[in-house]
């Protein structure tokens, strides 16, 4: 289980880094956005299949809440993907997604 937790924390750090890059340099935004679209759903799936499966009976309400947050994050990512990168609505949508992800990661890291 310790190995799973290390991988999850490393994934969190990687996704945080991607979000920082997306909020920063517009020149790398296209590539970072593609990477986020690939990495974030993969991270969510892996987390639910490994960590959440093991903790479901131990902390059921926390796991249900985390799964709801995952659903919200997926929806926010889909909304972000629908907005052109140069559109004025893109950065506020990224900010909302970033805040939701950070709140989720923080709660999850406190739990584990």
PDB file of N, CA and C in Angstrom:
ATOM      1  N   UNK A   1       0.822  -1.199   0.000  1.00  0.00           N
ATOM      2  CA  UNK A   1       0.000   0.000   0.000  1.00  0.00           C
ATOM      3  C   UNK A   1       0.867   1.265   0.000  1.00  0.00           C
ATOM      4  N   UNK A   2       2.007   1.211   0.672  1.00  0.00           N
ATOM      5  CA  UNK A   2       2.882   2.388   0.721  1.00  0.00           C
ATOM      6  C   UNK A   2       3.316   2.806  -0.683  1.00  0.00           C
ATOM      7  N   UNK A   3       3.559   1.818  -1.537  1.00  0.00           N
ATOM      8  CA  UNK A   3       3.968   2.110  -2.912  1.00  0.00           C
ATOM      9  C   UNK A   3       2.848   2.847  -3.661  1.00  0.00           C
ATOM     10  N   UNK A   4       1.607   2.418  -3.469  1.00  0.00           N
ATOM     11  CA  UNK A   4       0.464   3.075  -4.101  1.00  0.00           C
ATOM     12  C   UNK A   4       0.390   4.535  -3.658  1.00  0.00           C
ATOM     13  N   UNK A   5       0.576   4.766  -2.365  1.00  0.00           N
ATOM     14  CA  UNK A   5       0.496   6.133  -1.839  1.00  0.00           C
ATOM     15  C   UNK A   5       1.590   7.023  -2.421  1.00  0.00           C
ATOM     16  N   UNK A   6       2.791   6.475  -2.576  1.00  0.00           N
ATOM     17  CA  UNK A   6       3.888   7.234  -3.182  1.00  0.00           C
ATOM     18  C   UNK A   6       3.559   7.597  -4.626  1.00  0.00           C
ATOM     19  N   UNK A   7       2.990   6.641  -5.363  1.00  0.00           N
ATOM     20  CA  UNK A   7       2.621   6.899  -6.754  1.00  0.00           C
ATOM     21  C   UNK A   7       1.537   7.971  -6.852  1.00  0.00           C
ATOM     22  N   UNK A   8       0.568   7.908  -5.953  1.00  0.00           N
ATOM     23  CA  UNK A   8      -0.512   8.899  -5.966  1.00  0.00           C
ATOM     24  C   UNK A   8       0.041  10.287  -5.668  1.00  0.00           C
ATOM     25  N   UNK A   9       0.891  10.394  -4.681  1.00  0.00           N
ATOM     26  CA  UNK A   9       1.485  11.709  -4.361  1.00  0.00           C
ATOM     27  C   UNK A   9       2.333  12.234  -5.523  1.00  0.00           C
ATOM     28  N   UNK A  10       3.069  11.342  -6.168  1.00  0.00           N
ATOM     29  CA  UNK A  10       3.868  11.750  -7.329  1.00  0.00           C
ATOM     30  C   UNK A  10       2.957  12.222  -8.464  1.00  0.00           C
ATOM     31  N   UNK A  11       1.846  11.518  -8.685  1.00  0.00           N
ATOM     32  CA  UNK A  11       0.870  11.944  -9.689  1.00  0.00           C
ATOM     33  C   UNK A  11       0.298  13.319  -9.346  1.00  0.00           C
ATOM     34  N   UNK A  12      -0.036  13.514  -8.077  1.00  0.00           N
ATOM     35  CA  UNK A  12      -0.560  14.812  -7.644  1.00  0.00           C
ATOM     36  C   UNK A  12       0.447  15.917  -7.959  1.00  0.00           C
ATOM     37  N   UNK A  13       1.703  15.684  -7.640  1.00  0.00           N
ATOM     38  CA  UNK A  13       2.735  16.688  -7.907  1.00  0.00           C
ATOM     39  C   UNK A  13       2.862  16.970  -9.403  1.00  0.00           C
ATOM     40  N   UNK A  14       2.798  15.914 -10.216  1.00  0.00           N
ATOM     41  CA  UNK A  14       2.899  16.072 -11.667  1.00  0.00           C
ATOM     42  C   UNK A  14       1.717  16.884 -12.207  1.00  0.00           C
ATOM     43  N   UNK A  15       0.516  16.564 -11.749  1.00  0.00           N
ATOM     44  CA  UNK A  15      -0.675  17.281 -12.214  1.00  0.00           C
ATOM     45  C   UNK A  15      -0.639  18.732 -11.743  1.00  0.00           C
ATOM     46  N   UNK A  16      -0.185  18.962 -10.526  1.00  0.00           N
ATOM     47  CA  UNK A  16      -0.029  20.349 -10.049  1.00  0.00           C
ATOM     48  C   UNK A  16       0.937  21.123 -10.946  1.00  0.00           C
ATOM     49  N   UNK A  17       2.017  20.475 -11.328  1.00  0.00           N
ATOM     50  CA  UNK A  17       3.001  21.104 -12.203  1.00  0.00           C
ATOM     51  C   UNK A  17       2.384  21.440 -13.569  1.00  0.00           C
ATOM     52  N   UNK A  18       1.602  20.516 -14.108  1.00  0.00           N
ATOM     53  CA  UNK A  18       0.919  20.775 -15.379  1.00  0.00           C
ATOM     54  C   UNK A  18      -0.011  21.980 -15.260  1.00  0.00           C
ATOM     55  N   UNK A  19      -0.753  22.031 -14.165  1.00  0.00           N
ATOM     56  CA  UNK A  19      -1.684  23.143 -13.959  1.00  0.00           C
ATOM     57  C   UNK A  19      -0.935  24.465 -13.824  1.00  0.00           C
ATOM     58  N   UNK A  20       0.210  24.451 -13.148  1.00  0.00           N
ATOM     59  CA  UNK A  20       1.041  25.658 -13.050  1.00  0.00           C
ATOM     60  C   UNK A  20       1.486  26.111 -14.437  1.00  0.00           C
ATOM     61  N   UNK A  21       1.939  25.150 -15.246  1.00  0.00           N
ATOM     62  CA  UNK A  21       2.392  25.475 -16.599  1.00  0.00           C
ATOM     63  C   UNK A  21       1.248  26.021 -17.454  1.00  0.00           C
ATOM     64  N   UNK A  22       0.068  25.415 -17.321  1.00  0.00           N
ATOM     65  CA  UNK A  22      -1.089  25.881 -18.088  1.00  0.00           C
ATOM     66  C   UNK A  22      -1.459  27.313 -17.729  1.00  0.00           C
ATOM     67  N   UNK A  23      -1.356  27.640 -16.459  1.00  0.00           N
ATOM     68  CA  UNK A  23      -1.699  28.987 -16.010  1.00  0.00           C
ATOM     69  C   UNK A  23      -0.626  29.998 -16.401  1.00  0.00           C
ATOM     70  N   UNK A  24       0.570  29.505 -16.713  1.00  0.00           N
ATOM     71  CA  UNK A  24       1.681  30.393 -17.019  1.00  0.00           C
ATOM     72  C   UNK A  24       1.886  30.620 -18.503  1.00  0.00           C
ATOM     73  N   UNK A  25       2.854  29.967 -19.056  1.00  0.00           N
ATOM     74  CA  UNK A  25       3.340  30.204 -20.415  1.00  0.00           C
ATOM     75  C   UNK A  25       2.310  29.833 -21.488  1.00  0.00           C
ATOM     76  N   UNK A  26       1.786  30.827 -22.228  1.00  0.00           N
ATOM     77  CA  UNK A  26       0.817  30.522 -23.285  1.00  0.00           C
ATOM     78  C   UNK A  26       1.430  29.736 -24.445  1.00  0.00           C
ATOM     79  N   UNK A  27       2.741  29.802 -24.595  1.00  0.00           N
ATOM     80  CA  UNK A  27       3.406  29.109 -25.699  1.00  0.00           C
ATOM     81  C   UNK A  27       3.353  27.587 -25.554  1.00  0.00           C
ATOM     82  N   UNK A  28       3.308  27.096 -24.328  1.00  0.00           N
ATOM     83  CA  UNK A  28       3.292  25.639 -24.114  1.00  0.00           C
ATOM     84  C   UNK A  28       1.901  25.124 -23.753  1.00  0.00           C
ATOM     85  N   UNK A  29       0.911  25.996 -23.792  1.00  0.00           N
ATOM     86  CA  UNK A  29      -0.432  25.647 -23.339  1.00  0.00           C
ATOM     87  C   UNK A  29      -1.047  24.490 -24.134  1.00  0.00           C
ATOM     88  N   UNK A  30      -0.887  24.493 -25.453  1.00  0.00           N
ATOM     89  CA  UNK A  30      -1.466  23.420 -26.269  1.00  0.00           C
ATOM     90  C   UNK A  30      -0.967  22.056 -25.812  1.00  0.00           C
ATOM     91  N   UNK A  31       0.337  21.920 -25.698  1.00  0.00           N
ATOM     92  CA  UNK A  31       0.934  20.644 -25.307  1.00  0.00           C
ATOM     93  C   UNK A  31       0.541  20.262 -23.885  1.00  0.00           C
ATOM     94  N   UNK A  32       0.585  21.213 -22.972  1.00  0.00           N
ATOM     95  CA  UNK A  32       0.223  20.927 -21.573  1.00  0.00           C
ATOM     96  C   UNK A  32      -1.246  20.529 -21.454  1.00  0.00           C
ATOM     97  N   UNK A  33      -2.091  21.144 -22.255  1.00  0.00           N
ATOM     98  CA  UNK A  33      -3.520  20.819 -22.219  1.00  0.00           C
ATOM     99  C   UNK A  33      -3.742  19.379 -22.702  1.00  0.00           C
ATOM    100  N   UNK A  34      -3.056  18.993 -23.749  1.00  0.00           N
ATOM    101  CA  UNK A  34      -3.149  17.613 -24.240  1.00  0.00           C
ATOM    102  C   UNK A  34      -2.681  16.645 -23.160  1.00  0.00           C
ATOM    103  N   UNK A  35      -1.585  16.971 -22.507  1.00  0.00           N
ATOM    104  CA  UNK A  35      -1.052  16.108 -21.451  1.00  0.00           C
ATOM    105  C   UNK A  35      -2.028  16.006 -20.288  1.00  0.00           C
ATOM    106  N   UNK A  36      -2.620  17.119 -19.876  1.00  0.00           N
ATOM    107  CA  UNK A  36      -3.590  17.099 -18.779  1.00  0.00           C
ATOM    108  C   UNK A  36      -4.798  16.248 -19.148  1.00  0.00           C
ATOM    109  N   UNK A  37      -5.290  16.369 -20.379  1.00  0.00           N
ATOM    110  CA  UNK A  37      -6.443  15.574 -20.825  1.00  0.00           C
ATOM    111  C   UNK A  37      -6.155  14.084 -20.771  1.00  0.00           C
ATOM    112  N   UNK A  38      -4.911  13.717 -20.956  1.00  0.00           N
ATOM    113  CA  UNK A  38      -4.533  12.304 -20.904  1.00  0.00           C
ATOM    114  C   UNK A  38      -4.265  11.852 -19.469  1.00  0.00           C
ATOM    115  N   UNK A  39      -3.538  12.640 -18.724  1.00  0.00           N
ATOM    116  CA  UNK A  39      -3.076  12.230 -17.398  1.00  0.00           C
ATOM    117  C   UNK A  39      -4.153  12.276 -16.316  1.00  0.00           C
ATOM    118  N   UNK A  40      -4.976  13.309 -16.311  1.00  0.00           N
ATOM    119  CA  UNK A  40      -5.946  13.464 -15.227  1.00  0.00           C
ATOM    120  C   UNK A  40      -6.977  12.333 -15.192  1.00  0.00           C
ATOM    121  N   UNK A  41      -7.625  11.994 -16.312  1.00  0.00           N
ATOM    122  CA  UNK A  41      -8.561  10.860 -16.256  1.00  0.00           C
ATOM    123  C   UNK A  41      -7.874   9.541 -15.894  1.00  0.00           C
ATOM    124  N   UNK A  42      -6.652   9.346 -16.366  1.00  0.00           N
ATOM    125  CA  UNK A  42      -5.904   8.135 -16.016  1.00  0.00           C
ATOM    126  C   UNK A  42      -5.617   8.067 -14.528  1.00  0.00           C
ATOM    127  N   UNK A  43      -5.262   9.196 -13.959  1.00  0.00           N
ATOM    128  CA  UNK A  43      -5.008   9.267 -12.520  1.00  0.00           C
ATOM    129  C   UNK A  43      -6.282   8.945 -11.741  1.00  0.00           C
ATOM    130  N   UNK A  44      -7.384   9.542 -12.144  1.00  0.00           N
ATOM    131  CA  UNK A  44      -8.659   9.312 -11.459  1.00  0.00           C
ATOM    132  C   UNK A  44      -9.033   7.835 -11.514  1.00  0.00           C
ATOM    133  N   UNK A  45      -8.932   7.240 -12.692  1.00  0.00           N
ATOM    134  CA  UNK A  45      -9.274   5.821 -12.834  1.00  0.00           C
ATOM    135  C   UNK A  45      -8.386   4.959 -11.939  1.00  0.00           C
ATOM    136  N   UNK A  46      -7.084   5.195 -11.977  1.00  0.00           N
ATOM    137  CA  UNK A  46      -6.147   4.386 -11.187  1.00  0.00           C
ATOM    138  C   UNK A  46      -6.416   4.532  -9.694  1.00  0.00           C
ATOM    139  N   UNK A  47      -6.709   5.730  -9.269  1.00  0.00           N
ATOM    140  CA  UNK A  47      -6.990   5.977  -7.857  1.00  0.00           C
ATOM    141  C   UNK A  47      -8.232   5.213  -7.404  1.00  0.00           C
ATOM    142  N   UNK A  48      -9.285   5.291  -8.202  1.00  0.00           N
ATOM    143  CA  UNK A  48     -10.526   4.610  -7.840  1.00  0.00           C
ATOM    144  C   UNK A  48     -10.352   3.095  -7.852  1.00  0.00           C
ATOM    145  N   UNK A  49      -9.552   2.583  -8.782  1.00  0.00           N
ATOM    146  CA  UNK A  49      -9.367   1.135  -8.901  1.00  0.00           C
ATOM    147  C   UNK A  49      -8.425   0.562  -7.846  1.00  0.00           C
ATOM    148  N   UNK A  50      -7.544   1.386  -7.303  1.00  0.00           N
ATOM    149  CA  UNK A  50      -6.568   0.865  -6.337  1.00  0.00           C
ATOM    150  C   UNK A  50      -6.855   1.367  -4.928  1.00  0.00           C
ATOM    151  N   UNK A  51      -6.565   2.614  -4.682  1.00  0.00           N
ATOM    152  CA  UNK A  51      -6.688   3.175  -3.334  1.00  0.00           C
ATOM    153  C   UNK A  51      -8.124   3.134  -2.828  1.00  0.00           C
ATOM    154  N   UNK A  52      -9.049   3.627  -3.630  1.00  0.00           N
ATOM    155  CA  UNK A  52     -10.434   3.698  -3.171  1.00  0.00           C
ATOM    156  C   UNK A  52     -11.013   2.309  -2.947  1.00  0.00           C
ATOM    157  N   UNK A  53     -10.641   1.364  -3.778  1.00  0.00           N
ATOM    158  CA  UNK A  53     -11.130  -0.007  -3.600  1.00  0.00           C
ATOM    159  C   UNK A  53     -10.695  -0.565  -2.245  1.00  0.00           C
ATOM    160  N   UNK A  54      -9.499  -0.214  -1.820  1.00  0.00           N
ATOM    161  CA  UNK A  54      -8.991  -0.700  -0.526  1.00  0.00           C
ATOM    162  C   UNK A  54      -9.576   0.047   0.666  1.00  0.00           C
ATOM    163  N   UNK A  55      -9.915   1.310   0.474  1.00  0.00           N
ATOM    164  CA  UNK A  55     -10.386   2.129   1.596  1.00  0.00           C
ATOM    165  C   UNK A  55     -11.909   2.222   1.702  1.00  0.00           C
ATOM    166  N   UNK A  56     -12.608   1.683   0.719  1.00  0.00           N
ATOM    167  CA  UNK A  56     -14.068   1.818   0.671  1.00  0.00           C
ATOM    168  C   UNK A  56     -14.750   1.348   1.953  1.00  0.00           C
ATOM    169  N   UNK A  57     -14.289   0.247   2.538  1.00  0.00           N
ATOM    170  CA  UNK A  57     -14.901  -0.277   3.763  1.00  0.00           C
ATOM    171  C   UNK A  57     -14.382   0.418   5.024  1.00  0.00           C
ATOM    172  N   UNK A  58     -13.235   1.047   4.932  1.00  0.00           N
ATOM    173  CA  UNK A  58     -12.618   1.693   6.093  1.00  0.00           C
ATOM    174  C   UNK A  58     -13.190   3.096   6.319  1.00  0.00           C
ATOM    175  N   UNK A  59     -13.271   3.873   5.256  1.00  0.00           N
ATOM    176  CA  UNK A  59     -13.793   5.243   5.333  1.00  0.00           C
ATOM    177  C   UNK A  59     -14.803   5.458   4.191  1.00  0.00           C
ATOM    178  N   UNK A  60     -15.954   4.812   4.271  1.00  0.00           N
ATOM    179  CA  UNK A  60     -16.886   4.826   3.136  1.00  0.00           C
ATOM    180  C   UNK A  60     -17.390   6.217   2.746  1.00  0.00           C
ATOM    181  N   UNK A  61     -17.697   7.065   3.707  1.00  0.00           N
ATOM    182  CA  UNK A  61     -18.228   8.389   3.353  1.00  0.00           C
ATOM    183  C   UNK A  61     -17.164   9.238   2.660  1.00  0.00           C
ATOM    184  N   UNK A  62     -15.937   9.167   3.135  1.00  0.00           N
ATOM    185  CA  UNK A  62     -14.849   9.924   2.508  1.00  0.00           C
ATOM    186  C   UNK A  62     -14.619   9.458   1.071  1.00  0.00           C
ATOM    187  N   UNK A  63     -14.726   8.154   0.850  1.00  0.00           N
ATOM    188  CA  UNK A  63     -14.536   7.620  -0.501  1.00  0.00           C
ATOM    189  C   UNK A  63     -15.688   8.054  -1.404  1.00  0.00           C
ATOM    190  N   UNK A  64     -16.913   8.007  -0.908  1.00  0.00           N
ATOM    191  CA  UNK A  64     -18.054   8.492  -1.707  1.00  0.00           C
ATOM    192  C   UNK A  64     -17.863   9.968  -2.077  1.00  0.00           C
ATOM    193  N   UNK A  65     -17.407  10.767  -1.116  1.00  0.00           N
ATOM    194  CA  UNK A  65     -17.161  12.188  -1.382  1.00  0.00           C
ATOM    195  C   UNK A  65     -16.066  12.363  -2.435  1.00  0.00           C
ATOM    196  N   UNK A  66     -15.010  11.592  -2.327  1.00  0.00           N
ATOM    197  CA  UNK A  66     -13.918  11.688  -3.303  1.00  0.00           C
ATOM    198  C   UNK A  66     -14.387  11.298  -4.699  1.00  0.00           C
ATOM    199  N   UNK A  67     -15.236  10.292  -4.783  1.00  0.00           N
ATOM    200  CA  UNK A  67     -15.765   9.878  -6.089  1.00  0.00           C
ATOM    201  C   UNK A  67     -16.650  10.983  -6.669  1.00  0.00           C
ATOM    202  N   UNK A  68     -17.441  11.645  -5.836  1.00  0.00           N
ATOM    203  CA  UNK A  68     -18.242  12.792  -6.304  1.00  0.00           C
ATOM    204  C   UNK A  68     -17.322  13.910  -6.813  1.00  0.00           C
ATOM    205  N   UNK A  69     -16.245  14.157  -6.082  1.00  0.00           N
ATOM    206  CA  UNK A  69     -15.290  15.185  -6.515  1.00  0.00           C
ATOM    207  C   UNK A  69     -14.654  14.802  -7.845  1.00  0.00           C
ATOM    208  N   UNK A  70     -14.326  13.532  -8.013  1.00  0.00           N
ATOM    209  CA  UNK A  70     -13.778  13.072  -9.294  1.00  0.00           C
ATOM    210  C   UNK A  70     -14.758  13.357 -10.427  1.00  0.00           C
ATOM    211  N   UNK A  71     -16.026  13.091 -10.188  1.00  0.00           N
ATOM    212  CA  UNK A  71     -17.044  13.349 -11.208  1.00  0.00           C
ATOM    213  C   UNK A  71     -17.105  14.839 -11.548  1.00  0.00           C
ATOM    214  N   UNK A  72     -17.070  15.677 -10.529  1.00  0.00           N
ATOM    215  CA  UNK A  72     -17.077  17.128 -10.753  1.00  0.00           C
ATOM    216  C   UNK A  72     -15.842  17.568 -11.535  1.00  0.00           C
ATOM    217  N   UNK A  73     -14.694  17.009 -11.193  1.00  0.00           N
ATOM    218  CA  UNK A  73     -13.445  17.361 -11.881  1.00  0.00           C
ATOM    219  C   UNK A  73     -13.501  16.926 -13.339  1.00  0.00           C
ATOM    220  N   UNK A  74     -14.028  15.731 -13.604  1.00  0.00           N
ATOM    221  CA  UNK A  74     -14.183  15.281 -14.996  1.00  0.00           C
ATOM    222  C   UNK A  74     -15.074  16.251 -15.781  1.00  0.00           C
ATOM    223  N   UNK A  75     -16.180  16.674 -15.162  1.00  0.00           N
ATOM    224  CA  UNK A  75     -17.089  17.623 -15.819  1.00  0.00           C
ATOM    225  C   UNK A  75     -16.391  18.950 -16.097  1.00  0.00           C
ATOM    226  N   UNK A  76     -15.626  19.442 -15.135  1.00  0.00           N
ATOM    227  CA  UNK A  76     -14.910  20.707 -15.320  1.00  0.00           C
ATOM    228  C   UNK A  76     -13.863  20.587 -16.426  1.00  0.00           C
ATOM    229  N   UNK A  77     -13.189  19.448 -16.488  1.00  0.00           N
ATOM    230  CA  UNK A  77     -12.201  19.224 -17.546  1.00  0.00           C
ATOM    231  C   UNK A  77     -12.889  19.217 -18.907  1.00  0.00           C
ATOM    232  N   UNK A  78     -14.045  18.571 -18.999  1.00  0.00           N
ATOM    233  CA  UNK A  78     -14.788  18.547 -20.262  1.00  0.00           C
ATOM    234  C   UNK A  78     -15.205  19.961 -20.675  1.00  0.00           C
ATOM    235  N   UNK A  79     -15.647  20.771 -19.714  1.00  0.00           N
ATOM    236  CA  UNK A  79     -16.017  22.161 -20.030  1.00  0.00           C
ATOM    237  C   UNK A  79     -14.795  22.952 -20.502  1.00  0.00           C
ATOM    238  N   UNK A  80     -13.659  22.742 -19.845  1.00  0.00           N
ATOM    239  CA  UNK A  80     -12.432  23.433 -20.249  1.00  0.00           C
ATOM    240  C   UNK A  80     -12.039  23.041 -21.671  1.00  0.00           C
ATOM    241  N   UNK A  81     -12.149  21.758 -21.982  1.00  0.00           N
ATOM    242  CA  UNK A  81     -11.784  21.272 -23.315  1.00  0.00           C
ATOM    243  C   UNK A  81     -12.664  21.877 -24.405  1.00  0.00           C
ATOM    244  N   UNK A  82     -13.887  22.250 -24.053  1.00  0.00           N
ATOM    245  CA  UNK A  82     -14.819  22.804 -25.035  1.00  0.00           C
ATOM    246  C   UNK A  82     -14.550  24.279 -25.342  1.00  0.00           C
ATOM    247  N   UNK A  83     -13.702  24.908 -24.552  1.00  0.00           N
ATOM    248  CA  UNK A  83     -13.408  26.336 -24.734  1.00  0.00           C
ATOM    249  C   UNK A  83     -12.093  26.470 -25.506  1.00  0.00           C
ATOM    250  N   UNK A  84     -12.072  27.253 -26.586  1.00  0.00           N
ATOM    251  CA  UNK A  84     -10.804  27.482 -27.289  1.00  0.00           C
ATOM    252  C   UNK A  84      -9.767  28.112 -26.345  1.00  0.00           C
ATOM    253  N   UNK A  85      -8.518  27.714 -26.506  1.00  0.00           N
ATOM    254  CA  UNK A  85      -7.447  28.178 -25.620  1.00  0.00           C
ATOM    255  C   UNK A  85      -7.312  29.699 -25.575  1.00  0.00           C
ATOM    256  N   UNK A  86      -7.620  30.367 -26.642  1.00  0.00           N
ATOM    257  CA  UNK A  86      -7.430  31.819 -26.711  1.00  0.00           C
ATOM    258  C   UNK A  86      -8.690  32.593 -26.291  1.00  0.00           C
ATOM    259  N   UNK A  87      -9.745  31.867 -25.972  1.00  0.00           N
ATOM    260  CA  UNK A  87     -11.006  32.491 -25.549  1.00  0.00           C
ATOM    261  C   UNK A  87     -10.846  33.072 -24.145  1.00  0.00           C
ATOM    262  N   UNK A  88     -11.488  34.195 -23.886  1.00  0.00           N
ATOM    263  CA  UNK A  88     -11.412  34.840 -22.579  1.00  0.00           C
ATOM    264  C   UNK A  88     -11.993  34.008 -21.447  1.00  0.00           C
ATOM    265  N   UNK A  89     -12.839  33.041 -21.767  1.00  0.00           N
ATOM    266  CA  UNK A  89     -13.451  32.189 -20.741  1.00  0.00           C
ATOM    267  C   UNK A  89     -12.538  31.032 -20.333  1.00  0.00           C
ATOM    268  N   UNK A  90     -11.457  30.816 -21.096  1.00  0.00           N
ATOM    269  CA  UNK A  90     -10.616  29.651 -20.837  1.00  0.00           C
ATOM    270  C   UNK A  90      -9.882  29.750 -19.496  1.00  0.00           C
ATOM    271  N   UNK A  91      -9.254  30.871 -19.221  1.00  0.00           N
ATOM    272  CA  UNK A  91      -8.470  31.008 -17.987  1.00  0.00           C
ATOM    273  C   UNK A  91      -9.349  30.916 -16.736  1.00  0.00           C
ATOM    274  N   UNK A  92     -10.521  31.567 -16.692  1.00  0.00           N
ATOM    275  CA  UNK A  92     -11.377  31.374 -15.514  1.00  0.00           C
ATOM    276  C   UNK A  92     -11.818  29.915 -15.335  1.00  0.00           C
ATOM    277  N   UNK A  93     -12.062  29.215 -16.441  1.00  0.00           N
ATOM    278  CA  UNK A  93     -12.432  27.797 -16.343  1.00  0.00           C
ATOM    279  C   UNK A  93     -11.260  26.978 -15.808  1.00  0.00           C
ATOM    280  N   UNK A  94     -10.048  27.301 -16.251  1.00  0.00           N
ATOM    281  CA  UNK A  94      -8.863  26.618 -15.729  1.00  0.00           C
ATOM    282  C   UNK A  94      -8.703  26.896 -14.240  1.00  0.00           C
ATOM    283  N   UNK A  95      -8.927  28.122 -13.832  1.00  0.00           N
ATOM    284  CA  UNK A  95      -8.805  28.482 -12.415  1.00  0.00           C
ATOM    285  C   UNK A  95      -9.781  27.676 -11.568  1.00  0.00           C
ATOM    286  N   UNK A  96     -11.030  27.550 -12.019  1.00  0.00           N
ATOM    287  CA  UNK A  96     -12.021  26.758 -11.272  1.00  0.00           C
ATOM    288  C   UNK A  96     -11.598  25.294 -11.190  1.00  0.00           C
ATOM    289  N   UNK A  97     -11.117  24.746 -12.309  1.00  0.00           N
ATOM    290  CA  UNK A  97     -10.652  23.355 -12.319  1.00  0.00           C
ATOM    291  C   UNK A  97      -9.469  23.189 -11.374  1.00  0.00           C
ATOM    292  N   UNK A  98      -8.536  24.094 -11.451  1.00  0.00           N
ATOM    293  CA  UNK A  98      -7.336  24.031 -10.617  1.00  0.00           C
ATOM    294  C   UNK A  98      -7.689  24.088  -9.128  1.00  0.00           C
ATOM    295  N   UNK A  99      -8.608  24.961  -8.763  1.00  0.00           N
ATOM    296  CA  UNK A  99      -9.028  25.067  -7.363  1.00  0.00           C
ATOM    297  C   UNK A  99      -9.714  23.787  -6.889  1.00  0.00           C
ATOM    298  N   UNK A 100     -10.551  23.205  -7.746  1.00  0.00           N
ATOM    299  CA  UNK A 100     -11.237  21.957  -7.387  1.00  0.00           C
ATOM    300  C   UNK A 100     -10.238  20.816  -7.223  1.00  0.00           C
ATOM    301  N   UNK A 101      -9.271  20.742  -8.126  1.00  0.00           N
ATOM    302  CA  UNK A 101      -8.256  19.692  -8.047  1.00  0.00           C
ATOM    303  C   UNK A 101      -7.411  19.873  -6.791  1.00  0.00           C
ATOM    304  N   UNK A 102      -6.987  21.084  -6.517  1.00  0.00           N
ATOM    305  CA  UNK A 102      -6.143  21.325  -5.341  1.00  0.00           C
ATOM    306  C   UNK A 102      -6.888  20.993  -4.057  1.00  0.00           C
ATOM    307  N   UNK A 103      -8.149  21.379  -3.962  1.00  0.00           N
ATOM    308  CA  UNK A 103      -8.940  21.050  -2.768  1.00  0.00           C
ATOM    309  C   UNK A 103      -9.081  19.536  -2.621  1.00  0.00           C
ATOM    310  N   UNK A 104      -9.307  18.862  -3.731  1.00  0.00           N
ATOM    311  CA  UNK A 104      -9.438  17.400  -3.702  1.00  0.00           C
ATOM    312  C   UNK A 104      -8.119  16.745  -3.288  1.00  0.00           C
ATOM    313  N   UNK A 105      -7.022  17.172  -3.904  1.00  0.00           N
ATOM    314  CA  UNK A 105      -5.718  16.590  -3.569  1.00  0.00           C
ATOM    315  C   UNK A 105      -5.385  16.804  -2.098  1.00  0.00           C
ATOM    316  N   UNK A 106      -5.622  17.999  -1.602  1.00  0.00           N
ATOM    317  CA  UNK A 106      -5.314  18.307  -0.202  1.00  0.00           C
ATOM    318  C   UNK A 106      -6.124  17.426   0.738  1.00  0.00           C
ATOM    319  N   UNK A 107      -7.418  17.305   0.487  1.00  0.00           N
ATOM    320  CA  UNK A 107      -8.269  16.454   1.332  1.00  0.00           C
ATOM    321  C   UNK A 107      -7.824  14.999   1.259  1.00  0.00           C
ATOM    322  N   UNK A 108      -7.497  14.563   0.072  1.00  0.00           N
ATOM    323  CA  UNK A 108      -7.079  13.176  -0.118  1.00  0.00           C
ATOM    324  C   UNK A 108      -5.740  12.903   0.573  1.00  0.00           C
ATOM    325  N   UNK A 109      -4.800  13.807   0.431  1.00  0.00           N
ATOM    326  CA  UNK A 109      -3.498  13.622   1.065  1.00  0.00           C
ATOM    327  C   UNK A 109      -3.615  13.658   2.583  1.00  0.00           C
ATOM    328  N   UNK A 110      -4.535  14.444   3.111  1.00  0.00           N
ATOM    329  CA  UNK A 110      -4.781  14.444   4.556  1.00  0.00           C
ATOM    330  C   UNK A 110      -5.378  13.112   5.001  1.00  0.00           C
ATOM    331  N   UNK A 111      -6.215  12.520   4.150  1.00  0.00           N
ATOM    332  CA  UNK A 111      -6.858  11.245   4.463  1.00  0.00           C
ATOM    333  C   UNK A 111      -5.856  10.098   4.469  1.00  0.00           C
ATOM    334  N   UNK A 112      -4.952  10.109   3.484  1.00  0.00           N
ATOM    335  CA  UNK A 112      -4.006   9.000   3.378  1.00  0.00           C
ATOM    336  C   UNK A 112      -2.735   9.325   4.128  1.00  0.00           C
TER     337      UNK A 112
END
